[in-house]
Protein backbone atom coordinates (compact mmCIF):
# COMPACT_ATOMS: atom_id res chain seq x y z
CA MET A 1 -19.89 -9.68 13.09
CA ARG A 2 -18.64 -12.66 11.31
CA PRO A 3 -17.68 -12.83 7.64
CA LEU A 4 -20.57 -13.69 5.53
CA PRO A 5 -21.21 -17.06 3.89
CA LEU A 6 -19.84 -17.80 0.43
CA ASP A 7 -21.77 -20.80 -0.90
CA ASP A 8 -24.12 -18.72 -2.96
CA LEU A 9 -21.42 -17.17 -5.29
CA VAL A 10 -21.61 -18.33 -8.81
CA LEU A 11 -18.43 -20.31 -10.00
CA PRO A 12 -17.79 -22.55 -13.15
CA GLY A 13 -19.10 -26.09 -12.49
CA GLY A 14 -17.19 -27.87 -10.13
CA TRP A 15 -15.13 -24.97 -8.71
CA SER A 16 -15.70 -23.75 -5.01
CA VAL A 17 -14.85 -20.99 -2.78
CA ARG A 18 -13.93 -20.81 0.91
CA PRO A 19 -12.00 -18.99 3.22
CA ALA A 20 -8.23 -18.80 3.65
CA THR A 21 -6.26 -20.85 6.01
CA LEU A 22 -2.77 -21.06 7.04
CA ALA A 23 -2.28 -24.11 4.91
CA ASP A 24 -2.86 -21.77 1.83
CA LEU A 25 0.00 -19.44 2.24
CA ASP A 26 2.40 -21.02 -0.36
CA ASP A 27 -0.47 -21.17 -2.79
CA LEU A 28 -1.82 -17.76 -2.41
CA HIS A 29 1.92 -16.56 -2.78
CA ARG A 30 2.19 -18.85 -6.26
CA VAL A 31 -1.10 -17.21 -7.35
CA ALA A 32 -0.35 -13.76 -6.57
CA THR A 33 3.20 -13.96 -8.04
CA ARG A 34 2.16 -15.50 -11.12
CA HIS A 35 -0.80 -12.85 -11.90
CA ASP A 36 1.75 -10.05 -11.21
CA VAL A 37 4.11 -11.51 -13.49
CA ALA A 38 1.44 -11.94 -16.17
CA ALA A 39 0.37 -8.34 -15.71
CA CYS A 40 3.54 -6.37 -15.45
CA GLY A 41 6.43 -8.74 -16.03
CA PHE A 42 7.62 -9.42 -12.35
CA SER A 43 6.29 -9.71 -9.08
CA THR A 44 5.55 -7.07 -6.26
CA THR A 45 4.10 -9.73 -3.46
CA SER A 46 6.32 -11.37 -1.10
CA ARG A 47 5.76 -14.36 0.68
CA ALA A 48 6.21 -12.44 3.94
CA SER A 49 3.51 -9.96 3.19
CA VAL A 50 0.90 -12.85 2.28
CA GLU A 51 1.75 -14.37 5.50
CA ALA A 52 1.17 -10.88 7.47
CA HIS A 53 -1.97 -10.39 5.75
CA VAL A 54 -3.48 -13.92 6.26
CA ALA A 55 -2.02 -14.71 9.51
CA GLY A 56 0.14 -12.10 10.84
CA GLU A 57 -0.55 -8.80 12.57
CA GLY A 58 -2.30 -7.38 9.79
CA ALA A 59 -4.86 -10.10 9.52
CA ALA A 60 -7.23 -8.62 11.93
CA ALA A 61 -8.33 -5.91 9.47
CA ARG A 62 -8.49 -8.20 6.44
CA THR A 63 -10.84 -11.19 5.28
CA HIS A 64 -9.71 -13.38 2.55
CA ALA A 65 -11.80 -15.59 -0.13
CA VAL A 66 -10.04 -18.57 -2.08
CA VAL A 67 -11.03 -20.19 -5.14
CA THR A 68 -10.39 -23.79 -6.13
CA ASP A 69 -10.70 -25.62 -9.32
CA PRO A 70 -12.33 -29.02 -9.29
CA THR A 71 -8.84 -30.78 -8.53
CA GLY A 72 -8.63 -28.56 -5.29
CA ARG A 73 -6.05 -26.40 -6.72
CA VAL A 74 -6.12 -22.68 -5.56
CA VAL A 75 -6.39 -20.59 -8.47
CA GLY A 76 -7.95 -17.28 -7.30
CA TRP A 77 -7.54 -15.10 -3.95
CA ALA A 78 -9.34 -11.95 -2.86
CA SER A 79 -8.98 -9.99 0.04
CA VAL A 80 -10.79 -6.77 1.65
CA HIS A 81 -9.00 -4.47 3.90
CA ASP A 82 -10.76 -2.43 6.45
CA ARG A 83 -8.55 0.66 5.46
CA ALA A 84 -10.31 3.65 7.27
CA ALA A 85 -13.86 4.79 7.80
CA GLY A 86 -15.92 4.51 4.36
CA ARG A 87 -12.80 2.88 2.67
CA VAL A 88 -12.33 -0.88 1.84
CA ILE A 89 -8.95 -1.97 0.01
CA VAL A 90 -9.99 -4.81 -2.32
CA GLY A 91 -7.42 -6.94 -3.70
CA LEU A 92 -7.60 -9.90 -6.23
CA SER A 93 -5.50 -12.34 -8.16
CA VAL A 94 -6.24 -15.21 -10.66
CA ASP A 95 -3.72 -17.63 -11.90
CA PRO A 96 -2.87 -16.67 -15.51
CA GLU A 97 -3.12 -20.36 -16.48
CA VAL A 98 -6.96 -20.43 -16.04
CA GLY A 99 -8.93 -19.74 -19.27
CA GLU A 100 -10.40 -16.54 -19.86
CA ARG A 101 -14.04 -17.79 -19.74
CA GLN A 102 -13.31 -19.54 -16.48
CA ALA A 103 -11.23 -16.67 -15.25
CA ASP A 104 -13.93 -14.20 -15.85
CA GLY A 105 -16.33 -16.35 -13.86
CA VAL A 106 -13.84 -16.39 -10.98
CA GLY A 107 -13.20 -12.59 -11.20
CA ALA A 108 -16.90 -11.85 -11.06
CA ALA A 109 -17.57 -14.04 -8.11
CA LEU A 110 -14.81 -12.45 -6.23
CA TYR A 111 -15.77 -9.20 -6.76
CA THR A 112 -19.53 -10.00 -5.64
CA TRP A 113 -17.86 -11.39 -2.53
CA ALA A 114 -15.60 -8.10 -2.18
CA GLU A 115 -18.80 -5.90 -2.25
CA ARG A 116 -20.54 -8.09 0.32
CA GLU A 117 -17.75 -7.98 2.69
CA GLY A 118 -16.90 -4.31 2.12
CA CYS A 119 -20.48 -3.49 3.12
CA ARG A 120 -20.20 -5.74 6.23
CA LEU A 121 -17.17 -3.66 7.43
CA ALA A 122 -19.12 -0.48 6.62
CA ARG A 123 -22.05 -1.58 8.77
CA GLU A 124 -19.74 -2.71 11.78
CA ARG A 125 -18.53 1.04 11.65
CA GLY A 126 -22.18 2.10 11.51
CA LEU A 127 -22.05 3.47 7.88
CA SER A 128 -24.47 3.04 5.28
CA ARG A 129 -22.32 3.77 2.19
CA THR A 130 -18.69 2.72 1.77
CA GLN A 131 -15.99 2.96 -0.97
CA LEU A 132 -14.57 -0.18 -2.79
CA ASP A 133 -10.59 0.66 -3.87
CA ALA A 134 -9.41 -1.66 -6.14
CA GLY A 135 -6.04 -1.74 -7.67
CA ALA A 136 -4.67 -3.02 -10.94
CA PHE A 137 -1.37 -2.67 -12.94
CA ALA A 138 -1.87 -0.28 -16.07
CA GLY A 139 -1.37 -3.28 -18.48
CA ASP A 140 -3.61 -5.71 -16.86
CA ALA A 141 -6.28 -5.74 -19.37
CA ARG A 142 -8.22 -8.75 -18.00
CA LYS A 143 -8.43 -7.11 -14.57
CA HIS A 144 -9.46 -4.02 -16.19
CA ARG A 145 -12.52 -6.09 -17.87
CA TRP A 146 -13.68 -7.43 -14.66
CA LEU A 147 -13.40 -4.44 -12.40
CA ALA A 148 -15.67 -2.64 -15.43
CA ALA A 149 -17.97 -5.50 -15.39
CA ALA A 150 -18.19 -5.13 -11.47
CA GLY A 151 -19.13 -1.37 -11.62
CA TYR A 152 -15.76 0.12 -10.71
CA ASP A 153 -14.31 3.35 -12.62
CA HIS A 154 -10.60 3.74 -13.01
CA VAL A 155 -10.03 7.13 -11.16
CA ARG A 156 -6.31 7.60 -10.82
CA THR A 157 -2.78 6.21 -11.95
CA TRP A 158 0.24 6.05 -9.86
CA TRP A 159 3.83 6.04 -10.77
CA GLN A 160 5.79 3.57 -9.06
CA MET A 161 9.50 5.05 -9.04
CA ALA A 162 12.70 3.97 -7.63
CA ARG A 163 16.32 5.49 -7.47
CA THR A 164 19.62 3.45 -7.33
CA VAL A 165 21.60 3.92 -4.00
CA VAL A 166 25.52 3.97 -3.90
CA PRO A 167 27.40 3.06 -0.54
CA ALA A 168 29.07 6.71 -1.03
CA GLU A 169 25.73 8.48 -0.31
CA GLY A 170 25.68 6.92 3.19
CA GLU A 171 28.86 8.94 4.04
CA PRO A 172 28.70 12.13 5.96
CA GLY A 173 28.70 15.04 3.80
CA ALA A 174 27.37 13.25 0.70
CA PHE A 175 24.48 15.55 0.28
CA PRO A 176 24.29 19.20 1.07
CA ASP A 177 23.18 20.68 4.51
CA PRO A 178 19.38 21.19 4.70
CA GLN A 179 18.24 24.88 3.99
CA GLN A 180 18.99 27.25 7.11
CA GLY A 181 16.30 26.56 9.97
CA VAL A 182 15.35 23.23 8.36
CA VAL A 183 15.92 20.40 10.92
CA VAL A 184 15.72 16.68 10.15
CA ARG A 185 15.45 14.00 12.70
CA GLN A 186 14.56 10.38 13.42
CA VAL A 187 11.51 9.80 15.79
CA VAL A 188 13.64 7.12 17.66
CA GLY A 189 15.20 8.01 21.06
CA ASP A 190 18.32 6.53 22.75
CA ASP A 191 16.29 3.23 23.59
CA GLY A 192 15.15 2.73 20.00
CA GLU A 193 11.65 3.59 20.78
CA PRO A 194 9.66 6.64 19.52
CA SER A 195 7.83 9.06 22.16
CA GLN A 196 4.09 9.39 21.98
CA GLY A 197 4.79 12.98 21.10
CA ASP A 198 6.67 12.32 18.19
CA LEU A 199 4.27 9.53 16.64
CA ARG A 200 1.45 12.00 17.45
CA ALA A 201 3.36 14.69 15.25
CA VAL A 202 4.12 12.35 12.46
CA HIS A 203 0.26 11.33 12.36
CA ASP A 204 -0.86 15.39 12.64
CA VAL A 205 1.70 16.31 9.84
CA LEU A 206 0.41 13.73 7.53
CA GLU A 207 -3.07 14.26 8.46
CA THR A 208 -2.81 17.85 7.37
CA ALA A 209 -0.52 17.59 4.59
CA PHE A 210 -2.73 15.04 2.61
CA THR A 211 -6.07 16.81 3.18
CA ASP A 212 -5.79 18.25 -0.14
CA HIS A 213 -4.80 14.97 -1.95
CA PHE A 214 -6.83 12.46 -3.85
CA ASN A 215 -9.07 10.07 -1.80
CA TYR A 216 -8.00 11.51 1.61
CA HIS A 217 -9.88 9.75 4.38
CA GLU A 218 -9.46 10.87 7.81
CA GLU A 219 -7.66 8.14 10.15
CA SER A 220 -7.51 8.31 14.05
CA PHE A 221 -4.20 8.25 15.61
CA ASP A 222 -4.52 4.89 17.14
CA GLU A 223 -5.69 3.37 13.79
CA PHE A 224 -2.71 5.08 12.10
CA VAL A 225 -0.21 3.55 14.58
CA GLU A 226 -1.74 0.33 14.62
CA ARG A 227 -1.66 -0.01 10.88
CA GLN A 228 1.73 0.90 10.72
CA GLN A 229 2.90 -1.58 13.08
CA GLN A 230 1.39 -4.16 11.04
CA GLU A 231 3.65 -3.47 7.86
CA VAL A 232 6.12 -6.21 7.24
CA GLY A 233 8.86 -3.71 6.65
CA HIS A 234 8.00 -1.49 9.83
CA ALA A 235 10.60 -0.14 11.71
CA TRP A 236 10.52 2.82 14.01
CA ASP A 237 14.16 4.16 12.88
CA HIS A 238 12.52 4.53 9.35
CA TRP A 239 10.48 7.24 10.42
CA TRP A 240 11.74 11.26 10.35
CA LEU A 241 10.32 14.54 11.21
CA VAL A 242 11.28 18.05 9.93
CA GLU A 243 10.97 21.10 12.05
CA VAL A 244 11.73 24.71 10.69
CA GLU A 245 13.04 27.24 12.79
CA ASP A 246 12.08 25.52 16.15
CA ALA A 247 8.50 25.65 15.18
CA GLU A 248 6.19 22.48 15.23
CA PRO A 249 7.00 19.60 13.03
CA VAL A 250 6.03 20.68 9.25
CA GLY A 251 7.28 17.47 7.25
CA ALA A 252 7.39 13.58 8.10
CA LEU A 253 8.60 10.45 6.29
CA ILE A 254 7.66 6.96 6.99
CA GLY A 255 9.87 4.34 5.42
CA GLU A 256 10.07 0.70 5.12
CA ARG A 257 12.33 -2.11 4.49
CA SER A 258 11.34 -3.93 1.34
CA ALA A 259 12.74 -7.43 0.79
CA GLY A 260 15.03 -7.83 -2.11
CA GLY A 261 14.82 -11.54 -2.53
CA ALA A 262 18.10 -13.00 -3.68
CA GLY A 263 19.51 -9.20 -3.91
CA PRO A 264 20.00 -6.52 -1.20
CA ASP A 265 17.00 -5.02 0.60
CA GLY A 266 15.63 -1.70 -0.35
CA THR A 267 13.95 1.02 1.41
CA TYR A 268 10.20 1.97 0.57
CA VAL A 269 8.81 5.34 1.09
CA ALA A 270 5.29 4.80 2.27
CA TYR A 271 4.62 8.40 3.36
CA LEU A 272 6.05 11.74 2.27
CA GLY A 273 4.11 14.79 3.54
CA VAL A 274 4.62 18.38 4.13
CA THR A 275 2.10 21.00 5.43
CA GLN A 276 1.11 23.50 2.93
CA ALA A 277 2.65 26.69 4.85
CA ALA A 278 5.91 24.89 4.65
CA ARG A 279 6.15 23.74 0.95
CA GLY A 280 8.74 25.38 -0.89
CA ARG A 281 11.35 25.55 1.90
CA GLY A 282 13.30 22.35 0.99
CA VAL A 283 11.54 20.26 3.44
CA ALA A 284 10.72 17.29 1.06
CA THR A 285 14.07 17.35 -0.41
CA ALA A 286 15.70 17.22 3.20
CA LEU A 287 13.58 14.04 4.20
CA LEU A 288 14.39 12.40 0.56
CA ARG A 289 18.10 12.84 1.29
CA ALA A 290 17.97 11.58 4.68
CA VAL A 291 16.00 8.26 3.66
CA ILE A 292 18.50 7.91 0.70
CA ALA A 293 21.70 8.38 3.25
CA ASP A 294 19.92 5.99 5.64
CA ALA A 295 19.39 3.26 3.00
CA ALA A 296 22.83 3.71 1.61
CA SER A 297 24.22 3.36 5.27
CA ARG A 298 22.25 0.02 5.67
CA GLY A 299 23.76 -1.40 2.51
CA ARG A 300 20.65 -1.32 0.54
CA ASP A 301 20.67 -0.66 -3.30
CA ARG A 302 17.48 1.21 -3.95
CA VAL A 303 14.80 3.81 -2.65
CA SER A 304 11.38 3.27 -4.26
CA LEU A 305 8.11 5.29 -3.51
CA GLU A 306 4.82 5.84 -5.40
CA VAL A 307 3.43 9.02 -6.82
CA ASP A 308 0.22 10.35 -7.90
CA ALA A 309 0.47 11.12 -11.67
CA ASP A 310 -1.74 14.10 -11.11
CA SER A 311 -0.31 15.20 -8.09
CA PRO A 312 -1.34 18.81 -6.96
CA THR A 313 2.22 19.34 -5.74
CA GLY A 314 3.95 18.36 -8.58
CA ALA A 315 5.87 15.59 -6.32
CA ASP A 316 6.96 13.67 -9.32
CA ARG A 317 9.11 16.50 -10.69
CA LEU A 318 10.83 16.71 -7.36
CA TYR A 319 11.45 12.93 -7.33
CA ALA A 320 12.79 12.97 -11.05
CA ALA A 321 15.15 15.69 -10.20
CA MET A 322 16.61 13.63 -7.27
CA GLY A 323 17.29 10.77 -9.79
CA PHE A 324 13.97 8.66 -9.13
CA GLU A 325 12.78 6.85 -12.50
CA ARG A 326 9.44 5.69 -13.31
CA ARG A 327 9.47 1.81 -13.36
CA TYR A 328 5.92 0.89 -13.81
CA ALA A 329 2.29 2.27 -13.34
CA THR A 330 -0.54 1.43 -11.55
CA GLU A 331 -4.28 2.38 -11.19
CA SER A 332 -7.08 2.78 -8.66
CA TRP A 333 -10.38 1.66 -9.61
CA HIS A 334 -13.18 2.77 -7.34
CA ARG A 335 -16.93 1.87 -6.56
CA ASP A 336 -19.19 3.59 -3.88
CA VAL A 337 -22.03 1.30 -2.71
CA PRO A 338 -24.92 1.59 -0.34
CA CYS A 339 -24.75 -0.68 2.77
CA GLU A 340 -28.19 -0.86 4.16
CA ALA A 341 -29.09 -3.59 6.76
């Protein structure tokens, strides 16, 4: 099924909306960066991630809409990502130089488009409903207003945390050995590739670990692996498993390289999960020590991650105890919509 038409969206006079093209990449990065800086003081959007989502391997699961002003300048960008069955991620950025009244019109039009696209994706999966999952910085009052007007509810807050890494932490013996019986290992073999068994183990651990977490949506193994490979910072040697006393794996961590711009790169912890039966055994601590040591050995200066401010496992306390500090907060806003044919 092809993306839906855009010409009936209501915009300020002389403004227009169209699909994104390769020629828009620099403008989309500019809009997203300016939006980020206005909302939280710095940008979290890289040029590489924009290209990956619009034109790279991650483009297949995403569609995009671009708004231009009467001069033809790109001033707004929205995307929808078919994240899992019944869940669509909605992204939206509007240049902060756009006046409030016009920006409100752009935001309303783009959230209308996102709802339509989300339902199109749901119908392609044979679903009659879907969740629209939109994000916002905690201080972004303008986007909060648009989300509320579009029928979204603020459902969760997330702490974005980071820890400084120093070179000495990459040396042998920098951290205590894991608790007795806890074995941490990377999934890559001597040829630099993971085995199918290890990839399935990571998937199984994370699916099991997150069933009691907020907004869990089941994801098939094939979808999971394909989505991970589409990430800009993906590398198999950033994946770890933990086994306890020769049993099946009970913990997993997926890291990614995060670009540092003019400075050193960092490592981002995209997933860290421990099965319920193994919690309290030092598994998460062992995984964090492994990723910190790895980052230090690569010459990186930080490890960052996201944690649910209302985590049922108290993960934020563990991160704080290991030197992670809150840098800023983001929010999830949800809307469940019917998607009849």
